[in-house]
Amino acid sequence: MIAMLATYGDRTADQVRERIDSLELAWLIHQVEQRHGVVLDLDDDSLAEMSTVDGSLAVLNKVLTGG
């Protein structure tokens, strides 16, 4: 996931900060949808949890694995 975030703004993985802003989040969701061929219908609570890399990973893991 950090590699996906790094493609936003043409950064290296070590330049990705833990905190994710709204544009990075939109980019990440788009990348995940494209890569996995899904449409993510995330509620406000899930989006709020995705303000960090760790939070995004947890939400996306839960959504993509059905857990």
N, C-alpha and C. Protein backbone atom coordinates (compact mmCIF):
# COMPACT_ATOMS: atom_id res chain seq x y z
N MET A 1 0.82 -1.18 0.00
CA MET A 1 0.00 0.00 0.00
C MET A 1 0.87 1.26 0.00
N ILE A 2 1.98 1.22 0.70
CA ILE A 2 2.85 2.39 0.71
C ILE A 2 3.37 2.65 -0.70
N ALA A 3 3.63 1.59 -1.44
CA ALA A 3 4.08 1.76 -2.83
C ALA A 3 3.00 2.46 -3.66
N MET A 4 1.75 2.12 -3.41
CA MET A 4 0.65 2.79 -4.13
C MET A 4 0.59 4.26 -3.76
N LEU A 5 0.70 4.56 -2.48
CA LEU A 5 0.68 5.95 -2.05
C LEU A 5 1.88 6.72 -2.60
N ALA A 6 2.99 6.06 -2.74
CA ALA A 6 4.19 6.72 -3.24
C ALA A 6 4.02 7.16 -4.69
N THR A 7 3.18 6.47 -5.45
CA THR A 7 2.97 6.87 -6.85
C THR A 7 2.23 8.20 -6.96
N TYR A 8 1.54 8.59 -5.88
CA TYR A 8 0.90 9.91 -5.85
C TYR A 8 1.99 10.93 -5.56
N GLY A 9 2.28 11.77 -6.50
CA GLY A 9 3.31 12.78 -6.32
C GLY A 9 4.70 12.27 -6.67
N ASP A 10 4.75 11.06 -7.27
CA ASP A 10 6.02 10.49 -7.72
C ASP A 10 7.08 10.52 -6.62
N ARG A 11 6.74 9.90 -5.49
CA ARG A 11 7.63 9.87 -4.32
C ARG A 11 8.23 8.48 -4.17
N THR A 12 9.19 8.39 -3.30
CA THR A 12 9.70 7.08 -2.91
C THR A 12 8.90 6.61 -1.70
N ALA A 13 8.95 5.33 -1.43
CA ALA A 13 8.17 4.78 -0.31
C ALA A 13 8.56 5.42 1.02
N ASP A 14 9.83 5.76 1.19
CA ASP A 14 10.24 6.36 2.46
C ASP A 14 9.82 7.82 2.61
N GLN A 15 9.28 8.40 1.55
CA GLN A 15 8.77 9.77 1.61
C GLN A 15 7.29 9.83 1.98
N VAL A 16 6.65 8.67 2.06
CA VAL A 16 5.22 8.62 2.41
C VAL A 16 5.11 8.77 3.92
N ARG A 17 4.32 9.76 4.34
CA ARG A 17 4.10 10.00 5.77
C ARG A 17 3.00 9.09 6.30
N GLU A 18 2.95 8.90 7.61
CA GLU A 18 1.92 8.07 8.24
C GLU A 18 0.54 8.70 8.07
N ARG A 19 0.46 10.01 8.17
CA ARG A 19 -0.82 10.71 8.05
C ARG A 19 -1.19 10.83 6.57
N ILE A 20 -2.42 10.51 6.22
CA ILE A 20 -2.89 10.56 4.83
C ILE A 20 -3.87 11.71 4.70
N ASP A 21 -3.63 12.60 3.73
CA ASP A 21 -4.57 13.70 3.52
C ASP A 21 -5.68 13.25 2.56
N SER A 22 -6.66 14.08 2.35
CA SER A 22 -7.84 13.69 1.58
C SER A 22 -7.52 13.35 0.13
N LEU A 23 -6.58 14.06 -0.49
CA LEU A 23 -6.22 13.75 -1.87
C LEU A 23 -5.46 12.42 -1.96
N GLU A 24 -4.60 12.18 -1.00
CA GLU A 24 -3.90 10.89 -0.97
C GLU A 24 -4.89 9.75 -0.76
N LEU A 25 -5.87 9.97 0.09
CA LEU A 25 -6.88 8.94 0.35
C LEU A 25 -7.69 8.65 -0.91
N ALA A 26 -8.11 9.69 -1.62
CA ALA A 26 -8.85 9.49 -2.86
C ALA A 26 -7.99 8.72 -3.87
N TRP A 27 -6.71 9.07 -3.95
CA TRP A 27 -5.78 8.38 -4.85
C TRP A 27 -5.65 6.91 -4.46
N LEU A 28 -5.49 6.66 -3.18
CA LEU A 28 -5.33 5.29 -2.69
C LEU A 28 -6.57 4.45 -3.00
N ILE A 29 -7.73 4.99 -2.73
CA ILE A 29 -8.98 4.26 -3.01
C ILE A 29 -9.08 3.95 -4.49
N HIS A 30 -8.78 4.93 -5.33
CA HIS A 30 -8.82 4.73 -6.78
C HIS A 30 -7.85 3.62 -7.20
N GLN A 31 -6.63 3.66 -6.67
CA GLN A 31 -5.63 2.66 -7.01
C GLN A 31 -6.06 1.25 -6.59
N VAL A 32 -6.63 1.14 -5.39
CA VAL A 32 -7.10 -0.16 -4.91
C VAL A 32 -8.24 -0.66 -5.79
N GLU A 33 -9.17 0.21 -6.13
CA GLU A 33 -10.28 -0.19 -7.00
C GLU A 33 -9.77 -0.68 -8.35
N GLN A 34 -8.83 0.04 -8.93
CA GLN A 34 -8.27 -0.35 -10.23
C GLN A 34 -7.52 -1.67 -10.13
N ARG A 35 -6.70 -1.82 -9.12
CA ARG A 35 -5.86 -3.01 -8.99
C ARG A 35 -6.69 -4.26 -8.71
N HIS A 36 -7.74 -4.12 -7.91
CA HIS A 36 -8.53 -5.28 -7.50
C HIS A 36 -9.83 -5.43 -8.28
N GLY A 37 -10.13 -4.51 -9.19
CA GLY A 37 -11.34 -4.61 -10.00
C GLY A 37 -12.61 -4.55 -9.18
N VAL A 38 -12.62 -3.70 -8.16
CA VAL A 38 -13.78 -3.56 -7.28
C VAL A 38 -14.18 -2.09 -7.20
N VAL A 39 -15.37 -1.86 -6.70
CA VAL A 39 -15.81 -0.52 -6.35
C VAL A 39 -16.00 -0.52 -4.84
N LEU A 40 -15.26 0.33 -4.16
CA LEU A 40 -15.34 0.39 -2.71
C LEU A 40 -16.42 1.38 -2.30
N ASP A 41 -17.37 0.91 -1.52
CA ASP A 41 -18.44 1.75 -1.01
C ASP A 41 -18.20 1.90 0.49
N LEU A 42 -17.35 2.85 0.83
CA LEU A 42 -16.91 3.02 2.21
C LEU A 42 -17.79 4.03 2.93
N ASP A 43 -18.21 3.69 4.14
CA ASP A 43 -19.03 4.61 4.92
C ASP A 43 -18.14 5.66 5.59
N ASP A 44 -18.77 6.65 6.20
CA ASP A 44 -18.03 7.76 6.82
C ASP A 44 -17.08 7.29 7.92
N ASP A 45 -17.51 6.29 8.69
CA ASP A 45 -16.65 5.77 9.76
C ASP A 45 -15.38 5.13 9.19
N SER A 46 -15.54 4.37 8.13
CA SER A 46 -14.37 3.74 7.50
C SER A 46 -13.43 4.79 6.94
N LEU A 47 -13.99 5.79 6.28
CA LEU A 47 -13.15 6.86 5.72
C LEU A 47 -12.41 7.61 6.82
N ALA A 48 -13.07 7.83 7.94
CA ALA A 48 -12.43 8.53 9.05
C ALA A 48 -11.27 7.70 9.61
N GLU A 49 -11.42 6.39 9.63
CA GLU A 49 -10.35 5.51 10.11
C GLU A 49 -9.13 5.52 9.19
N MET A 50 -9.34 5.94 7.94
CA MET A 50 -8.29 5.87 6.94
C MET A 50 -7.43 7.14 6.87
N SER A 51 -7.31 7.84 7.97
CA SER A 51 -6.51 9.07 7.99
C SER A 51 -5.02 8.80 8.19
N THR A 52 -4.69 7.53 8.41
CA THR A 52 -3.29 7.12 8.56
C THR A 52 -3.03 5.90 7.68
N VAL A 53 -1.76 5.62 7.43
CA VAL A 53 -1.40 4.44 6.65
C VAL A 53 -1.89 3.18 7.36
N ASP A 54 -1.63 3.07 8.65
CA ASP A 54 -2.06 1.89 9.40
C ASP A 54 -3.58 1.73 9.40
N GLY A 55 -4.30 2.84 9.58
CA GLY A 55 -5.75 2.79 9.56
C GLY A 55 -6.28 2.38 8.19
N SER A 56 -5.67 2.90 7.15
CA SER A 56 -6.08 2.55 5.78
C SER A 56 -5.85 1.07 5.52
N LEU A 57 -4.71 0.58 5.95
CA LEU A 57 -4.40 -0.83 5.76
C LEU A 57 -5.43 -1.70 6.47
N ALA A 58 -5.80 -1.34 7.69
CA ALA A 58 -6.78 -2.12 8.44
C ALA A 58 -8.14 -2.12 7.76
N VAL A 59 -8.59 -0.95 7.33
CA VAL A 59 -9.91 -0.85 6.67
C VAL A 59 -9.90 -1.61 5.35
N LEU A 60 -8.89 -1.40 4.53
CA LEU A 60 -8.85 -2.04 3.23
C LEU A 60 -8.72 -3.56 3.37
N ASN A 61 -7.94 -4.02 4.32
CA ASN A 61 -7.82 -5.45 4.56
C ASN A 61 -9.19 -6.04 4.93
N LYS A 62 -9.92 -5.36 5.80
CA LYS A 62 -11.23 -5.83 6.23
C LYS A 62 -12.21 -5.84 5.06
N VAL A 63 -12.21 -4.78 4.27
CA VAL A 63 -13.16 -4.67 3.15
C VAL A 63 -12.83 -5.69 2.05
N LEU A 64 -11.57 -5.82 1.72
CA LEU A 64 -11.18 -6.70 0.61
C LEU A 64 -11.23 -8.19 0.96
N THR A 65 -11.11 -8.51 2.24
CA THR A 65 -11.16 -9.92 2.62
C THR A 65 -12.52 -10.32 3.18
N GLY A 66 -13.44 -9.35 3.26
CA GLY A 66 -14.76 -9.65 3.77
C GLY A 66 -14.82 -9.85 5.27
N GLY A 67 -13.75 -9.44 5.96
CA GLY A 67 -13.67 -9.66 7.41
C GLY A 67 -14.12 -8.49 8.13
